[in-house]
Amino acid sequence: PDHPAVRAALADLKAGKTLAPFVKDVDQ
């Protein structure tokens, strides 16, 4: 429950935002 990373992501989703991909490139 209430993991800070999940809490932040849920807040962005509630605001209608699109989340950035978890891995964007080969380095990551």
mmCIF file of all heavy atoms, coordinates in Angstrom:
data_MODEL
# 
_entry.id   MODEL 
# 
loop_
_atom_site.group_PDB 
_atom_site.id 
_atom_site.type_symbol 
_atom_site.label_atom_id 
_atom_site.label_alt_id 
_atom_site.label_comp_id 
_atom_site.label_asym_id 
_atom_site.label_entity_id 
_atom_site.label_seq_id 
_atom_site.pdbx_PDB_ins_code 
_atom_site.Cartn_x 
_atom_site.Cartn_y 
_atom_site.Cartn_z 
_atom_site.occupancy 
_atom_site.B_iso_or_equiv 
_atom_site.pdbx_formal_charge 
_atom_site.auth_seq_id 
_atom_site.auth_comp_id 
_atom_site.auth_asym_id 
_atom_site.auth_atom_id 
_atom_site.pdbx_PDB_model_num 
ATOM 1   N N   . PRO A 1 1  ? 0.808  -1.223 0.000   1.00 0.00 ? 1  PRO A N   1 
ATOM 2   C CA  . PRO A 1 1  ? 0.000  0.000  0.000   1.00 0.00 ? 1  PRO A CA  1 
ATOM 3   C C   . PRO A 1 1  ? 0.842  1.274  0.000   1.00 0.00 ? 1  PRO A C   1 
ATOM 4   O O   . PRO A 1 1  ? 1.891  1.351  0.642   1.00 0.00 ? 1  PRO A O   1 
ATOM 5   C CB  . PRO A 1 1  ? -0.798 -0.108 1.307   1.00 0.00 ? 1  PRO A CB  1 
ATOM 6   C CG  . PRO A 1 1  ? -0.712 -1.543 1.712   1.00 0.00 ? 1  PRO A CG  1 
ATOM 7   C CD  . PRO A 1 1  ? 0.603  -2.030 1.200   1.00 0.00 ? 1  PRO A CD  1 
ATOM 8   N N   . ASP A 1 2  ? 0.379  2.250  -0.754  1.00 0.00 ? 2  ASP A N   1 
ATOM 9   C CA  . ASP A 1 2  ? 0.896  3.621  -0.692  1.00 0.00 ? 2  ASP A CA  1 
ATOM 10  C C   . ASP A 1 2  ? 2.385  3.723  -0.987  1.00 0.00 ? 2  ASP A C   1 
ATOM 11  O O   . ASP A 1 2  ? 3.106  4.518  -0.385  1.00 0.00 ? 2  ASP A O   1 
ATOM 12  C CB  . ASP A 1 2  ? 0.597  4.222  0.686   1.00 0.00 ? 2  ASP A CB  1 
ATOM 13  C CG  . ASP A 1 2  ? 0.543  5.749  0.654   1.00 0.00 ? 2  ASP A CG  1 
ATOM 14  O OD1 . ASP A 1 2  ? 0.098  6.304  -0.366  1.00 0.00 ? 2  ASP A OD1 1 
ATOM 15  O OD2 . ASP A 1 2  ? 0.958  6.377  1.644   1.00 0.00 ? 2  ASP A OD2 1 
ATOM 16  N N   . HIS A 1 3  ? 2.870  2.936  -1.938  1.00 0.00 ? 3  HIS A N   1 
ATOM 17  C CA  . HIS A 1 3  ? 4.265  3.087  -2.346  1.00 0.00 ? 3  HIS A CA  1 
ATOM 18  C C   . HIS A 1 3  ? 4.425  4.446  -3.025  1.00 0.00 ? 3  HIS A C   1 
ATOM 19  O O   . HIS A 1 3  ? 3.602  4.834  -3.867  1.00 0.00 ? 3  HIS A O   1 
ATOM 20  C CB  . HIS A 1 3  ? 4.659  1.971  -3.307  1.00 0.00 ? 3  HIS A CB  1 
ATOM 21  C CG  . HIS A 1 3  ? 6.124  1.911  -3.582  1.00 0.00 ? 3  HIS A CG  1 
ATOM 22  N ND1 . HIS A 1 3  ? 6.768  2.820  -4.389  1.00 0.00 ? 3  HIS A ND1 1 
ATOM 23  C CD2 . HIS A 1 3  ? 7.085  1.058  -3.138  1.00 0.00 ? 3  HIS A CD2 1 
ATOM 24  C CE1 . HIS A 1 3  ? 8.053  2.529  -4.434  1.00 0.00 ? 3  HIS A CE1 1 
ATOM 25  N NE2 . HIS A 1 3  ? 8.270  1.470  -3.679  1.00 0.00 ? 3  HIS A NE2 1 
ATOM 26  N N   . PRO A 1 4  ? 5.462  5.221  -2.696  1.00 0.00 ? 4  PRO A N   1 
ATOM 27  C CA  . PRO A 1 4  ? 5.568  6.588  -3.232  1.00 0.00 ? 4  PRO A CA  1 
ATOM 28  C C   . PRO A 1 4  ? 5.619  6.659  -4.751  1.00 0.00 ? 4  PRO A C   1 
ATOM 29  O O   . PRO A 1 4  ? 5.038  7.582  -5.343  1.00 0.00 ? 4  PRO A O   1 
ATOM 30  C CB  . PRO A 1 4  ? 6.854  7.129  -2.594  1.00 0.00 ? 4  PRO A CB  1 
ATOM 31  C CG  . PRO A 1 4  ? 7.550  5.955  -2.004  1.00 0.00 ? 4  PRO A CG  1 
ATOM 32  C CD  . PRO A 1 4  ? 6.514  4.937  -1.711  1.00 0.00 ? 4  PRO A CD  1 
ATOM 33  N N   . ALA A 1 5  ? 6.301  5.713  -5.405  1.00 0.00 ? 5  ALA A N   1 
ATOM 34  C CA  . ALA A 1 5  ? 6.363  5.741  -6.867  1.00 0.00 ? 5  ALA A CA  1 
ATOM 35  C C   . ALA A 1 5  ? 4.987  5.472  -7.468  1.00 0.00 ? 5  ALA A C   1 
ATOM 36  O O   . ALA A 1 5  ? 4.582  6.109  -8.456  1.00 0.00 ? 5  ALA A O   1 
ATOM 37  C CB  . ALA A 1 5  ? 7.380  4.726  -7.377  1.00 0.00 ? 5  ALA A CB  1 
ATOM 38  N N   . VAL A 1 6  ? 4.260  4.541  -6.876  1.00 0.00 ? 6  VAL A N   1 
ATOM 39  C CA  . VAL A 1 6  ? 2.911  4.224  -7.359  1.00 0.00 ? 6  VAL A CA  1 
ATOM 40  C C   . VAL A 1 6  ? 1.963  5.386  -7.067  1.00 0.00 ? 6  VAL A C   1 
ATOM 41  O O   . VAL A 1 6  ? 1.125  5.757  -7.904  1.00 0.00 ? 6  VAL A O   1 
ATOM 42  C CB  . VAL A 1 6  ? 2.410  2.920  -6.711  1.00 0.00 ? 6  VAL A CB  1 
ATOM 43  C CG1 . VAL A 1 6  ? 0.955  2.657  -7.069  1.00 0.00 ? 6  VAL A CG1 1 
ATOM 44  C CG2 . VAL A 1 6  ? 3.289  1.757  -7.140  1.00 0.00 ? 6  VAL A CG2 1 
ATOM 45  N N   . ARG A 1 7  ? 2.098  5.960  -5.903  1.00 0.00 ? 7  ARG A N   1 
ATOM 46  C CA  . ARG A 1 7  ? 1.259  7.110  -5.532  1.00 0.00 ? 7  ARG A CA  1 
ATOM 47  C C   . ARG A 1 7  ? 1.425  8.253  -6.528  1.00 0.00 ? 7  ARG A C   1 
ATOM 48  O O   . ARG A 1 7  ? 0.449  8.863  -6.968  1.00 0.00 ? 7  ARG A O   1 
ATOM 49  C CB  . ARG A 1 7  ? 1.621  7.567  -4.116  1.00 0.00 ? 7  ARG A CB  1 
ATOM 50  C CG  . ARG A 1 7  ? 0.739  8.658  -3.563  1.00 0.00 ? 7  ARG A CG  1 
ATOM 51  C CD  . ARG A 1 7  ? 1.019  8.876  -2.091  1.00 0.00 ? 7  ARG A CD  1 
ATOM 52  N NE  . ARG A 1 7  ? 2.352  9.379  -1.849  1.00 0.00 ? 7  ARG A NE  1 
ATOM 53  C CZ  . ARG A 1 7  ? 3.224  8.866  -0.997  1.00 0.00 ? 7  ARG A CZ  1 
ATOM 54  N NH1 . ARG A 1 7  ? 2.918  7.793  -0.309  1.00 0.00 ? 7  ARG A NH1 1 
ATOM 55  N NH2 . ARG A 1 7  ? 4.406  9.402  -0.813  1.00 0.00 ? 7  ARG A NH2 1 
ATOM 56  N N   . ALA A 1 8  ? 2.671  8.528  -6.913  1.00 0.00 ? 8  ALA A N   1 
ATOM 57  C CA  . ALA A 1 8  ? 2.924  9.620  -7.868  1.00 0.00 ? 8  ALA A CA  1 
ATOM 58  C C   . ALA A 1 8  ? 2.347  9.290  -9.239  1.00 0.00 ? 8  ALA A C   1 
ATOM 59  O O   . ALA A 1 8  ? 1.759  10.161 -9.909  1.00 0.00 ? 8  ALA A O   1 
ATOM 60  C CB  . ALA A 1 8  ? 4.429  9.877  -7.965  1.00 0.00 ? 8  ALA A CB  1 
ATOM 61  N N   . ALA A 1 9  ? 2.507  8.045  -9.664  1.00 0.00 ? 9  ALA A N   1 
ATOM 62  C CA  . ALA A 1 9  ? 1.973  7.650  -10.975 1.00 0.00 ? 9  ALA A CA  1 
ATOM 63  C C   . ALA A 1 9  ? 0.455  7.722  -10.999 1.00 0.00 ? 9  ALA A C   1 
ATOM 64  O O   . ALA A 1 9  ? -0.144 8.196  -11.975 1.00 0.00 ? 9  ALA A O   1 
ATOM 65  C CB  . ALA A 1 9  ? 2.446  6.241  -11.321 1.00 0.00 ? 9  ALA A CB  1 
ATOM 66  N N   . LEU A 1 10 ? -0.183 7.266  -9.934  1.00 0.00 ? 10 LEU A N   1 
ATOM 67  C CA  . LEU A 1 10 ? -1.641 7.328  -9.873  1.00 0.00 ? 10 LEU A CA  1 
ATOM 68  C C   . LEU A 1 10 ? -2.136 8.766  -9.886  1.00 0.00 ? 10 LEU A C   1 
ATOM 69  O O   . LEU A 1 10 ? -3.179 9.066  -10.493 1.00 0.00 ? 10 LEU A O   1 
ATOM 70  C CB  . LEU A 1 10 ? -2.138 6.603  -8.622  1.00 0.00 ? 10 LEU A CB  1 
ATOM 71  C CG  . LEU A 1 10 ? -2.123 5.075  -8.681  1.00 0.00 ? 10 LEU A CG  1 
ATOM 72  C CD1 . LEU A 1 10 ? -2.430 4.474  -7.306  1.00 0.00 ? 10 LEU A CD1 1 
ATOM 73  C CD2 . LEU A 1 10 ? -3.122 4.556  -9.708  1.00 0.00 ? 10 LEU A CD2 1 
ATOM 74  N N   . ALA A 1 11 ? -1.398 9.655  -9.230  1.00 0.00 ? 11 ALA A N   1 
ATOM 75  C CA  . ALA A 1 11 ? -1.796 11.070 -9.251  1.00 0.00 ? 11 ALA A CA  1 
ATOM 76  C C   . ALA A 1 11 ? -1.726 11.632 -10.670 1.00 0.00 ? 11 ALA A C   1 
ATOM 77  O O   . ALA A 1 11 ? -2.611 12.387 -11.097 1.00 0.00 ? 11 ALA A O   1 
ATOM 78  C CB  . ALA A 1 11 ? -0.897 11.874 -8.309  1.00 0.00 ? 11 ALA A CB  1 
ATOM 79  N N   . ASP A 1 12 ? -0.690 11.276 -11.408 1.00 0.00 ? 12 ASP A N   1 
ATOM 80  C CA  . ASP A 1 12 ? -0.581 11.733 -12.795 1.00 0.00 ? 12 ASP A CA  1 
ATOM 81  C C   . ASP A 1 12 ? -1.710 11.166 -13.655 1.00 0.00 ? 12 ASP A C   1 
ATOM 82  O O   . ASP A 1 12 ? -2.290 11.858 -14.496 1.00 0.00 ? 12 ASP A O   1 
ATOM 83  C CB  . ASP A 1 12 ? 0.781  11.340 -13.379 1.00 0.00 ? 12 ASP A CB  1 
ATOM 84  C CG  . ASP A 1 12 ? 1.919  12.198 -12.849 1.00 0.00 ? 12 ASP A CG  1 
ATOM 85  O OD1 . ASP A 1 12 ? 1.643  13.271 -12.286 1.00 0.00 ? 12 ASP A OD1 1 
ATOM 86  O OD2 . ASP A 1 12 ? 3.096  11.774 -12.992 1.00 0.00 ? 12 ASP A OD2 1 
ATOM 87  N N   . LEU A 1 13 ? -2.021 9.889  -13.460 1.00 0.00 ? 13 LEU A N   1 
ATOM 88  C CA  . LEU A 1 13 ? -3.102 9.279  -14.231 1.00 0.00 ? 13 LEU A CA  1 
ATOM 89  C C   . LEU A 1 13 ? -4.438 9.938  -13.905 1.00 0.00 ? 13 LEU A C   1 
ATOM 90  O O   . LEU A 1 13 ? -5.263 10.188 -14.799 1.00 0.00 ? 13 LEU A O   1 
ATOM 91  C CB  . LEU A 1 13 ? -3.166 7.776  -13.940 1.00 0.00 ? 13 LEU A CB  1 
ATOM 92  C CG  . LEU A 1 13 ? -2.027 6.927  -14.515 1.00 0.00 ? 13 LEU A CG  1 
ATOM 93  C CD1 . LEU A 1 13 ? -2.086 5.512  -13.947 1.00 0.00 ? 13 LEU A CD1 1 
ATOM 94  C CD2 . LEU A 1 13 ? -2.083 6.885  -16.045 1.00 0.00 ? 13 LEU A CD2 1 
ATOM 95  N N   . LYS A 1 14 ? -4.652 10.228 -12.634 1.00 0.00 ? 14 LYS A N   1 
ATOM 96  C CA  . LYS A 1 14 ? -5.902 10.879 -12.234 1.00 0.00 ? 14 LYS A CA  1 
ATOM 97  C C   . LYS A 1 14 ? -6.029 12.258 -12.866 1.00 0.00 ? 14 LYS A C   1 
ATOM 98  O O   . LYS A 1 14 ? -7.144 12.710 -13.181 1.00 0.00 ? 14 LYS A O   1 
ATOM 99  C CB  . LYS A 1 14 ? -5.959 10.991 -10.709 1.00 0.00 ? 14 LYS A CB  1 
ATOM 100 C CG  . LYS A 1 14 ? -7.277 11.509 -10.176 1.00 0.00 ? 14 LYS A CG  1 
ATOM 101 C CD  . LYS A 1 14 ? -7.303 11.492 -8.655  1.00 0.00 ? 14 LYS A CD  1 
ATOM 102 C CE  . LYS A 1 14 ? -8.648 11.986 -8.126  1.00 0.00 ? 14 LYS A CE  1 
ATOM 103 N NZ  . LYS A 1 14 ? -8.693 11.966 -6.636  1.00 0.00 ? 14 LYS A NZ  1 
ATOM 104 N N   . ALA A 1 15 ? -4.873 12.906 -13.068 1.00 0.00 ? 15 ALA A N   1 
ATOM 105 C CA  . ALA A 1 15 ? -4.874 14.238 -13.698 1.00 0.00 ? 15 ALA A CA  1 
ATOM 106 C C   . ALA A 1 15 ? -4.982 14.154 -15.218 1.00 0.00 ? 15 ALA A C   1 
ATOM 107 O O   . ALA A 1 15 ? -4.937 15.182 -15.902 1.00 0.00 ? 15 ALA A O   1 
ATOM 108 C CB  . ALA A 1 15 ? -3.607 14.989 -13.302 1.00 0.00 ? 15 ALA A CB  1 
ATOM 109 N N   . GLY A 1 16 ? -5.096 12.930 -15.747 1.00 0.00 ? 16 GLY A N   1 
ATOM 110 C CA  . GLY A 1 16 ? -5.247 12.767 -17.183 1.00 0.00 ? 16 GLY A CA  1 
ATOM 111 C C   . GLY A 1 16 ? -3.956 12.768 -17.964 1.00 0.00 ? 16 GLY A C   1 
ATOM 112 O O   . GLY A 1 16 ? -3.968 12.851 -19.198 1.00 0.00 ? 16 GLY A O   1 
ATOM 113 N N   . LYS A 1 17 ? -2.830 12.655 -17.263 1.00 0.00 ? 17 LYS A N   1 
ATOM 114 C CA  . LYS A 1 17 ? -1.537 12.678 -17.942 1.00 0.00 ? 17 LYS A CA  1 
ATOM 115 C C   . LYS A 1 17 ? -1.195 11.308 -18.511 1.00 0.00 ? 17 LYS A C   1 
ATOM 116 O O   . LYS A 1 17 ? -1.659 10.278 -18.007 1.00 0.00 ? 17 LYS A O   1 
ATOM 117 C CB  . LYS A 1 17 ? -0.428 13.117 -16.972 1.00 0.00 ? 17 LYS A CB  1 
ATOM 118 C CG  . LYS A 1 17 ? -0.595 14.531 -16.434 1.00 0.00 ? 17 LYS A CG  1 
ATOM 119 C CD  . LYS A 1 17 ? 0.532  14.876 -15.466 1.00 0.00 ? 17 LYS A CD  1 
ATOM 120 C CE  . LYS A 1 17 ? 0.359  16.285 -14.897 1.00 0.00 ? 17 LYS A CE  1 
ATOM 121 N NZ  . LYS A 1 17 ? 1.453  16.611 -13.931 1.00 0.00 ? 17 LYS A NZ  1 
ATOM 122 N N   . THR A 1 18 ? -0.373 11.301 -19.542 1.00 0.00 ? 18 THR A N   1 
ATOM 123 C CA  . THR A 1 18 ? 0.175  10.063 -20.085 1.00 0.00 ? 18 THR A CA  1 
ATOM 124 C C   . THR A 1 18 ? 1.542  9.821  -19.455 1.00 0.00 ? 18 THR A C   1 
ATOM 125 O O   . THR A 1 18 ? 2.397  10.712 -19.454 1.00 0.00 ? 18 THR A O   1 
ATOM 126 C CB  . THR A 1 18 ? 0.318  10.150 -21.615 1.00 0.00 ? 18 THR A CB  1 
ATOM 127 O OG1 . THR A 1 18 ? -0.978 10.328 -22.189 1.00 0.00 ? 18 THR A OG1 1 
ATOM 128 C CG2 . THR A 1 18 ? 0.951  8.887  -22.169 1.00 0.00 ? 18 THR A CG2 1 
ATOM 129 N N   . LEU A 1 19 ? 1.731  8.645  -18.921 1.00 0.00 ? 19 LEU A N   1 
ATOM 130 C CA  . LEU A 1 19 ? 2.997  8.345  -18.253 1.00 0.00 ? 19 LEU A CA  1 
ATOM 131 C C   . LEU A 1 19 ? 4.093  8.069  -19.271 1.00 0.00 ? 19 LEU A C   1 
ATOM 132 O O   . LEU A 1 19 ? 3.849  7.469  -20.320 1.00 0.00 ? 19 LEU A O   1 
ATOM 133 C CB  . LEU A 1 19 ? 2.840  7.123  -17.346 1.00 0.00 ? 19 LEU A CB  1 
ATOM 134 C CG  . LEU A 1 19 ? 1.778  7.222  -16.253 1.00 0.00 ? 19 LEU A CG  1 
ATOM 135 C CD1 . LEU A 1 19 ? 1.751  5.929  -15.437 1.00 0.00 ? 19 LEU A CD1 1 
ATOM 136 C CD2 . LEU A 1 19 ? 2.042  8.411  -15.327 1.00 0.00 ? 19 LEU A CD2 1 
ATOM 137 N N   . ALA A 1 20 ? 5.308  8.514  -18.942 1.00 0.00 ? 20 ALA A N   1 
ATOM 138 C CA  . ALA A 1 20 ? 6.454  8.251  -19.810 1.00 0.00 ? 20 ALA A CA  1 
ATOM 139 C C   . ALA A 1 20 ? 6.811  6.777  -19.772 1.00 0.00 ? 20 ALA A C   1 
ATOM 140 O O   . ALA A 1 20 ? 6.610  6.108  -18.748 1.00 0.00 ? 20 ALA A O   1 
ATOM 141 C CB  . ALA A 1 20 ? 7.651  9.080  -19.352 1.00 0.00 ? 20 ALA A CB  1 
ATOM 142 N N   . PRO A 1 21 ? 7.336  6.222  -20.857 1.00 0.00 ? 21 PRO A N   1 
ATOM 143 C CA  . PRO A 1 21 ? 7.747  4.809  -20.840 1.00 0.00 ? 21 PRO A CA  1 
ATOM 144 C C   . PRO A 1 21 ? 8.778  4.553  -19.749 1.00 0.00 ? 21 PRO A C   1 
ATOM 145 O O   . PRO A 1 21 ? 9.587  5.420  -19.411 1.00 0.00 ? 21 PRO A O   1 
ATOM 146 C CB  . PRO A 1 21 ? 8.345  4.594  -22.232 1.00 0.00 ? 21 PRO A CB  1 
ATOM 147 C CG  . PRO A 1 21 ? 7.768  5.672  -23.073 1.00 0.00 ? 21 PRO A CG  1 
ATOM 148 C CD  . PRO A 1 21 ? 7.554  6.850  -22.167 1.00 0.00 ? 21 PRO A CD  1 
ATOM 149 N N   . PHE A 1 22 ? 8.744  3.361  -19.211 1.00 0.00 ? 22 PHE A N   1 
ATOM 150 C CA  . PHE A 1 22 ? 9.672  2.979  -18.154 1.00 0.00 ? 22 PHE A CA  1 
ATOM 151 C C   . PHE A 1 22 ? 11.098 2.925  -18.677 1.00 0.00 ? 22 PHE A C   1 
ATOM 152 O O   . PHE A 1 22 ? 12.042 3.351  -18.000 1.00 0.00 ? 22 PHE A O   1 
ATOM 153 C CB  . PHE A 1 22 ? 9.249  1.609  -17.620 1.00 0.00 ? 22 PHE A CB  1 
ATOM 154 C CG  . PHE A 1 22 ? 10.025 1.122  -16.440 1.00 0.00 ? 22 PHE A CG  1 
ATOM 155 C CD1 . PHE A 1 22 ? 9.827  1.666  -15.190 1.00 0.00 ? 22 PHE A CD1 1 
ATOM 156 C CD2 . PHE A 1 22 ? 10.957 0.109  -16.577 1.00 0.00 ? 22 PHE A CD2 1 
ATOM 157 C CE1 . PHE A 1 22 ? 10.541 1.217  -14.093 1.00 0.00 ? 22 PHE A CE1 1 
ATOM 158 C CE2 . PHE A 1 22 ? 11.671 -0.354 -15.489 1.00 0.00 ? 22 PHE A CE2 1 
ATOM 159 C CZ  . PHE A 1 22 ? 11.460 0.198  -14.243 1.00 0.00 ? 22 PHE A CZ  1 
ATOM 160 N N   . VAL A 1 23 ? 11.284 2.380  -19.862 1.00 0.00 ? 23 VAL A N   1 
ATOM 161 C CA  . VAL A 1 23 ? 12.587 2.318  -20.524 1.00 0.00 ? 23 VAL A CA  1 
ATOM 162 C C   . VAL A 1 23 ? 12.450 3.001  -21.871 1.00 0.00 ? 23 VAL A C   1 
ATOM 163 O O   . VAL A 1 23 ? 11.623 2.607  -22.687 1.00 0.00 ? 23 VAL A O   1 
ATOM 164 C CB  . VAL A 1 23 ? 13.057 0.852  -20.699 1.00 0.00 ? 23 VAL A CB  1 
ATOM 165 C CG1 . VAL A 1 23 ? 14.220 0.771  -21.672 1.00 0.00 ? 23 VAL A CG1 1 
ATOM 166 C CG2 . VAL A 1 23 ? 13.446 0.253  -19.359 1.00 0.00 ? 23 VAL A CG2 1 
ATOM 167 N N   . LYS A 1 24 ? 13.270 4.025  -22.091 1.00 0.00 ? 24 LYS A N   1 
ATOM 168 C CA  . LYS A 1 24 ? 13.146 4.823  -23.309 1.00 0.00 ? 24 LYS A CA  1 
ATOM 169 C C   . LYS A 1 24 ? 14.198 4.493  -24.355 1.00 0.00 ? 24 LYS A C   1 
ATOM 170 O O   . LYS A 1 24 ? 14.030 4.836  -25.530 1.00 0.00 ? 24 LYS A O   1 
ATOM 171 C CB  . LYS A 1 24 ? 13.243 6.315  -22.965 1.00 0.00 ? 24 LYS A CB  1 
ATOM 172 C CG  . LYS A 1 24 ? 12.258 6.811  -21.920 1.00 0.00 ? 24 LYS A CG  1 
ATOM 173 C CD  . LYS A 1 24 ? 12.461 8.307  -21.673 1.00 0.00 ? 24 LYS A CD  1 
ATOM 174 C CE  . LYS A 1 24 ? 11.638 8.792  -20.495 1.00 0.00 ? 24 LYS A CE  1 
ATOM 175 N NZ  . LYS A 1 24 ? 12.116 8.259  -19.199 1.00 0.00 ? 24 LYS A NZ  1 
ATOM 176 N N   . ASP A 1 25 ? 15.320 3.879  -23.927 1.00 0.00 ? 25 ASP A N   1 
ATOM 177 C CA  . ASP A 1 25 ? 16.406 3.649  -24.872 1.00 0.00 ? 25 ASP A CA  1 
ATOM 178 C C   . ASP A 1 25 ? 17.249 2.458  -24.435 1.00 0.00 ? 25 ASP A C   1 
ATOM 179 O O   . ASP A 1 25 ? 16.974 1.820  -23.406 1.00 0.00 ? 25 ASP A O   1 
ATOM 180 C CB  . ASP A 1 25 ? 17.275 4.908  -25.008 1.00 0.00 ? 25 ASP A CB  1 
ATOM 181 C CG  . ASP A 1 25 ? 17.822 5.411  -23.670 1.00 0.00 ? 25 ASP A CG  1 
ATOM 182 O OD1 . ASP A 1 25 ? 18.094 4.576  -22.782 1.00 0.00 ? 25 ASP A OD1 1 
ATOM 183 O OD2 . ASP A 1 25 ? 17.982 6.642  -23.512 1.00 0.00 ? 25 ASP A OD2 1 
ATOM 184 N N   . VAL A 1 26 ? 18.279 2.169  -25.216 1.00 0.00 ? 26 VAL A N   1 
ATOM 185 C CA  . VAL A 1 26 ? 19.118 0.993  -24.956 1.00 0.00 ? 26 VAL A CA  1 
ATOM 186 C C   . VAL A 1 26 ? 19.881 1.130  -23.647 1.00 0.00 ? 26 VAL A C   1 
ATOM 187 O O   . VAL A 1 26 ? 20.014 0.159  -22.885 1.00 0.00 ? 26 VAL A O   1 
ATOM 188 C CB  . VAL A 1 26 ? 20.083 0.764  -26.140 1.00 0.00 ? 26 VAL A CB  1 
ATOM 189 C CG1 . VAL A 1 26 ? 21.119 -0.310 -25.794 1.00 0.00 ? 26 VAL A CG1 1 
ATOM 190 C CG2 . VAL A 1 26 ? 19.298 0.365  -27.381 1.00 0.00 ? 26 VAL A CG2 1 
ATOM 191 N N   . ASP A 1 27 ? 20.382 2.322  -23.358 1.00 0.00 ? 27 ASP A N   1 
ATOM 192 C CA  . ASP A 1 27 ? 21.106 2.508  -22.100 1.00 0.00 ? 27 ASP A CA  1 
ATOM 193 C C   . ASP A 1 27 ? 20.242 2.114  -20.907 1.00 0.00 ? 27 ASP A C   1 
ATOM 194 O O   . ASP A 1 27 ? 20.690 1.391  -19.999 1.00 0.00 ? 27 ASP A O   1 
ATOM 195 C CB  . ASP A 1 27 ? 21.542 3.975  -21.951 1.00 0.00 ? 27 ASP A CB  1 
ATOM 196 C CG  . ASP A 1 27 ? 22.797 4.294  -22.739 1.00 0.00 ? 27 ASP A CG  1 
ATOM 197 O OD1 . ASP A 1 27 ? 23.229 3.449  -23.540 1.00 0.00 ? 27 ASP A OD1 1 
ATOM 198 O OD2 . ASP A 1 27 ? 23.335 5.402  -22.562 1.00 0.00 ? 27 ASP A OD2 1 
ATOM 199 N N   . GLN A 1 28 ? 19.002 2.599  -20.900 1.00 0.00 ? 28 GLN A N   1 
ATOM 200 C CA  . GLN A 1 28 ? 18.127 2.292  -19.775 1.00 0.00 ? 28 GLN A CA  1 
ATOM 201 C C   . GLN A 1 28 ? 17.741 0.811  -19.754 1.00 0.00 ? 28 GLN A C   1 
ATOM 202 O O   . GLN A 1 28 ? 17.593 0.221  -18.685 1.00 0.00 ? 28 GLN A O   1 
ATOM 203 C CB  . GLN A 1 28 ? 16.871 3.163  -19.841 1.00 0.00 ? 28 GLN A CB  1 
ATOM 204 C CG  . GLN A 1 28 ? 17.135 4.627  -19.522 1.00 0.00 ? 28 GLN A CG  1 
ATOM 205 C CD  . GLN A 1 28 ? 15.850 5.440  -19.467 1.00 0.00 ? 28 GLN A CD  1 
ATOM 206 O OE1 . GLN A 1 28 ? 14.840 5.090  -20.076 1.00 0.00 ? 28 GLN A OE1 1 
ATOM 207 N NE2 . GLN A 1 28 ? 15.889 6.545  -18.743 1.00 0.00 ? 28 GLN A NE2 1 
# 
